Structure formats: structure tokens, C-alpha cells
N, C-alpha and C. Protein backbone atom coordinates (compact mmCIF):
# COMPACT_ATOMS: atom_id res chain seq x y z
N MET A 1 -9.56 4.39 -5.61
CA MET A 1 -8.33 3.71 -5.27
C MET A 1 -8.62 2.39 -4.57
N ARG A 2 -9.59 2.41 -3.66
CA ARG A 2 -9.93 1.18 -2.94
C ARG A 2 -10.32 0.05 -3.90
N PHE A 3 -11.07 0.40 -4.93
CA PHE A 3 -11.52 -0.63 -5.87
C PHE A 3 -10.35 -1.22 -6.65
N MET A 4 -9.39 -0.38 -7.01
CA MET A 4 -8.21 -0.87 -7.73
C MET A 4 -7.39 -1.78 -6.83
N LEU A 5 -7.17 -1.37 -5.58
CA LEU A 5 -6.42 -2.21 -4.64
C LEU A 5 -7.15 -3.53 -4.38
N GLN A 6 -8.46 -3.45 -4.27
CA GLN A 6 -9.25 -4.66 -4.04
C GLN A 6 -9.18 -5.59 -5.25
N ALA A 7 -9.22 -5.03 -6.43
CA ALA A 7 -9.17 -5.84 -7.66
C ALA A 7 -7.86 -6.60 -7.77
N GLU A 8 -6.78 -6.03 -7.26
CA GLU A 8 -5.47 -6.67 -7.30
C GLU A 8 -5.16 -7.44 -6.02
N ASN A 9 -6.16 -7.59 -5.16
CA ASN A 9 -6.03 -8.33 -3.90
C ASN A 9 -4.97 -7.71 -2.98
N CYS A 10 -4.90 -6.38 -2.99
CA CYS A 10 -3.92 -5.64 -2.17
C CYS A 10 -4.58 -4.83 -1.06
N LEU A 11 -5.89 -4.71 -1.07
CA LEU A 11 -6.57 -3.81 -0.14
C LEU A 11 -6.33 -4.19 1.32
N ASN A 12 -6.48 -5.47 1.66
CA ASN A 12 -6.30 -5.87 3.05
C ASN A 12 -4.87 -5.63 3.55
N ILE A 13 -3.90 -5.77 2.67
CA ILE A 13 -2.53 -5.45 3.04
C ILE A 13 -2.41 -3.96 3.31
N THR A 14 -2.94 -3.15 2.39
CA THR A 14 -2.85 -1.70 2.49
C THR A 14 -3.52 -1.17 3.75
N LEU A 15 -4.62 -1.78 4.14
CA LEU A 15 -5.34 -1.35 5.35
C LEU A 15 -4.73 -1.91 6.62
N GLY A 16 -3.70 -2.75 6.48
CA GLY A 16 -3.04 -3.33 7.63
C GLY A 16 -3.79 -4.51 8.23
N GLU A 17 -4.75 -5.04 7.50
CA GLU A 17 -5.57 -6.15 7.98
C GLU A 17 -4.97 -7.51 7.66
N GLU A 18 -4.02 -7.55 6.74
CA GLU A 18 -3.34 -8.80 6.39
C GLU A 18 -1.86 -8.63 6.66
N GLN A 19 -1.31 -9.52 7.43
CA GLN A 19 0.12 -9.45 7.77
C GLN A 19 0.89 -10.53 7.02
N GLN A 20 2.18 -10.30 6.89
CA GLN A 20 3.03 -11.29 6.24
C GLN A 20 3.10 -12.55 7.08
N LEU A 21 3.07 -13.68 6.41
CA LEU A 21 3.22 -14.96 7.09
C LEU A 21 4.67 -15.10 7.53
N HIS A 22 4.90 -15.86 8.58
CA HIS A 22 6.25 -16.03 9.09
C HIS A 22 6.97 -17.24 8.49
N ALA A 23 6.35 -17.85 7.51
CA ALA A 23 6.98 -18.99 6.84
C ALA A 23 8.07 -18.48 5.90
N ARG A 24 9.05 -19.29 5.66
CA ARG A 24 10.15 -18.89 4.78
C ARG A 24 9.93 -19.38 3.36
N ARG A 25 10.11 -18.49 2.44
CA ARG A 25 10.14 -18.80 1.00
C ARG A 25 9.04 -19.75 0.52
N THR A 26 7.85 -19.48 0.94
CA THR A 26 6.74 -20.27 0.45
C THR A 26 6.05 -19.50 -0.66
N ALA A 27 5.17 -20.16 -1.35
CA ALA A 27 4.40 -19.49 -2.40
C ALA A 27 3.55 -18.38 -1.79
N ALA A 28 3.03 -18.61 -0.58
CA ALA A 28 2.20 -17.60 0.08
C ALA A 28 3.02 -16.35 0.41
N THR A 29 4.25 -16.53 0.84
CA THR A 29 5.13 -15.39 1.15
C THR A 29 5.46 -14.62 -0.12
N ALA A 30 5.75 -15.32 -1.18
CA ALA A 30 6.05 -14.68 -2.45
C ALA A 30 4.84 -13.90 -2.95
N ASP A 31 3.67 -14.48 -2.81
CA ASP A 31 2.44 -13.80 -3.22
C ASP A 31 2.20 -12.54 -2.39
N TYR A 32 2.43 -12.64 -1.10
CA TYR A 32 2.26 -11.48 -0.22
C TYR A 32 3.19 -10.34 -0.66
N HIS A 33 4.45 -10.65 -0.91
CA HIS A 33 5.40 -9.62 -1.31
C HIS A 33 5.05 -9.02 -2.67
N LYS A 34 4.54 -9.83 -3.55
CA LYS A 34 4.09 -9.33 -4.86
C LYS A 34 2.95 -8.35 -4.67
N ARG A 35 1.97 -8.71 -3.85
CA ARG A 35 0.82 -7.84 -3.62
C ARG A 35 1.20 -6.59 -2.82
N LEU A 36 2.18 -6.72 -1.92
CA LEU A 36 2.68 -5.57 -1.16
C LEU A 36 3.29 -4.54 -2.13
N GLY A 37 4.11 -5.02 -3.04
CA GLY A 37 4.71 -4.14 -4.04
C GLY A 37 3.67 -3.55 -4.97
N MET A 38 2.70 -4.35 -5.36
CA MET A 38 1.64 -3.87 -6.24
C MET A 38 0.85 -2.75 -5.55
N GLY A 39 0.55 -2.93 -4.28
CA GLY A 39 -0.19 -1.90 -3.54
C GLY A 39 0.59 -0.60 -3.49
N SER A 40 1.89 -0.68 -3.19
CA SER A 40 2.73 0.52 -3.15
C SER A 40 2.77 1.21 -4.50
N ALA A 41 2.97 0.43 -5.56
CA ALA A 41 3.03 0.99 -6.91
C ALA A 41 1.72 1.65 -7.31
N MET A 42 0.62 1.02 -6.98
CA MET A 42 -0.68 1.58 -7.34
C MET A 42 -0.93 2.90 -6.62
N ILE A 43 -0.59 2.96 -5.35
CA ILE A 43 -0.80 4.18 -4.59
C ILE A 43 0.09 5.29 -5.12
N ILE A 44 1.37 5.05 -5.25
CA ILE A 44 2.31 6.10 -5.67
C ILE A 44 1.97 6.60 -7.07
N ASN A 45 1.57 5.69 -7.96
CA ASN A 45 1.27 6.09 -9.33
C ASN A 45 -0.09 6.75 -9.50
N SER A 46 -0.92 6.71 -8.48
CA SER A 46 -2.22 7.38 -8.56
C SER A 46 -2.15 8.80 -8.01
N CYS A 47 -1.00 9.19 -7.49
CA CYS A 47 -0.82 10.51 -6.88
C CYS A 47 -0.16 11.48 -7.85
N THR A 48 -0.41 12.76 -7.61
CA THR A 48 0.30 13.79 -8.35
C THR A 48 1.76 13.79 -7.94
N GLU A 49 2.60 14.43 -8.72
CA GLU A 49 4.03 14.50 -8.39
C GLU A 49 4.24 15.16 -7.03
N GLU A 50 3.46 16.17 -6.73
CA GLU A 50 3.58 16.86 -5.44
C GLU A 50 3.30 15.91 -4.28
N VAL A 51 2.26 15.14 -4.39
CA VAL A 51 1.91 14.18 -3.34
C VAL A 51 2.92 13.04 -3.30
N GLN A 52 3.40 12.61 -4.45
CA GLN A 52 4.42 11.56 -4.48
C GLN A 52 5.64 11.94 -3.66
N GLN A 53 6.01 13.21 -3.69
CA GLN A 53 7.16 13.68 -2.90
C GLN A 53 6.93 13.47 -1.40
N ASP A 54 5.69 13.54 -0.97
CA ASP A 54 5.36 13.37 0.45
C ASP A 54 5.41 11.92 0.91
N ILE A 55 5.28 10.98 -0.03
CA ILE A 55 5.18 9.57 0.39
C ILE A 55 6.25 8.67 -0.22
N CYS A 56 7.09 9.19 -1.10
CA CYS A 56 8.06 8.33 -1.80
C CYS A 56 9.09 7.72 -0.87
N HIS A 57 9.29 8.28 0.31
CA HIS A 57 10.26 7.74 1.27
C HIS A 57 9.69 6.58 2.08
N LEU A 58 8.39 6.36 1.97
CA LEU A 58 7.74 5.30 2.74
C LEU A 58 7.95 3.96 2.06
N ASN A 59 8.01 2.90 2.86
CA ASN A 59 8.40 1.59 2.34
C ASN A 59 7.28 0.62 2.02
N ASN A 60 6.08 0.92 2.44
CA ASN A 60 5.01 -0.03 2.16
C ASN A 60 3.68 0.69 2.03
N PRO A 61 2.67 0.03 1.45
CA PRO A 61 1.40 0.69 1.19
C PRO A 61 0.65 1.06 2.47
N VAL A 62 0.88 0.35 3.57
CA VAL A 62 0.20 0.70 4.82
C VAL A 62 0.64 2.09 5.26
N GLU A 63 1.95 2.33 5.25
CA GLU A 63 2.47 3.64 5.64
C GLU A 63 2.00 4.73 4.68
N MET A 64 2.00 4.42 3.39
CA MET A 64 1.55 5.40 2.40
C MET A 64 0.09 5.76 2.62
N TRP A 65 -0.74 4.73 2.80
CA TRP A 65 -2.17 4.93 2.98
C TRP A 65 -2.44 5.76 4.23
N GLU A 66 -1.76 5.44 5.32
CA GLU A 66 -1.96 6.17 6.57
C GLU A 66 -1.52 7.63 6.43
N GLU A 67 -0.41 7.87 5.75
CA GLU A 67 0.07 9.24 5.54
C GLU A 67 -0.92 10.04 4.70
N LEU A 68 -1.41 9.44 3.62
CA LEU A 68 -2.38 10.13 2.77
C LEU A 68 -3.67 10.41 3.53
N PHE A 69 -4.12 9.46 4.30
CA PHE A 69 -5.34 9.62 5.10
C PHE A 69 -5.15 10.74 6.12
N SER A 70 -4.00 10.76 6.77
CA SER A 70 -3.69 11.77 7.77
C SER A 70 -3.67 13.17 7.15
N LYS A 71 -3.05 13.31 5.99
CA LYS A 71 -3.00 14.60 5.32
C LYS A 71 -4.39 15.05 4.89
N THR A 72 -5.21 14.13 4.46
CA THR A 72 -6.57 14.46 4.05
C THR A 72 -7.39 14.94 5.24
N LYS A 73 -7.25 14.28 6.37
CA LYS A 73 -7.98 14.69 7.57
C LYS A 73 -7.55 16.08 8.04
N ARG A 74 -6.26 16.38 7.96
CA ARG A 74 -5.76 17.68 8.40
C ARG A 74 -6.31 18.82 7.54
N ARG A 75 -6.54 18.53 6.27
CA ARG A 75 -7.07 19.55 5.37
C ARG A 75 -8.54 19.80 5.64
N GLY A 76 -9.19 18.78 6.13
CA GLY A 76 -10.48 18.77 6.58
C GLY A 76 -11.71 19.15 6.11
């Protein structure tokens, strides 16, 4: 999954290392939102239907990634 997110330039967003710029309606803001959506779509579509139910209410890839990581650690 990391390699797919990295290939689409979404990994840093998903890991919470890249934040949205505070500029209004710039090309950089549009690009950020595109990559944010791409990260969410890639994560949700790589999960089974059962796992999708656990994360479909989340709004961004950072939250999804953290929830999946947390569940994985609990299973241990």
C-alpha cells in the first residue's frame, strides 16, 4: 500500500507529514485536494468489504491509515 500511495504522491499526506496550504484556490491547493482524495480512494479500495465498513465513515486518508494501523496493532 505504501508503494501505491508513494507512486501517486499521496504517502506524505496519508502519514500526516504534509498539511494543506492555507492559500485560497491555488493550483497547489487543488493538487493537495486531488491527492487527498486519491489517498482515501486507494486505501478504501484496497480493503475487504468488512474492513471498509470500519473506515468508510472517516473523511481523510490520515484517519483511515491511523485506524487501520491501530486495529492491526491490537490484533498483534
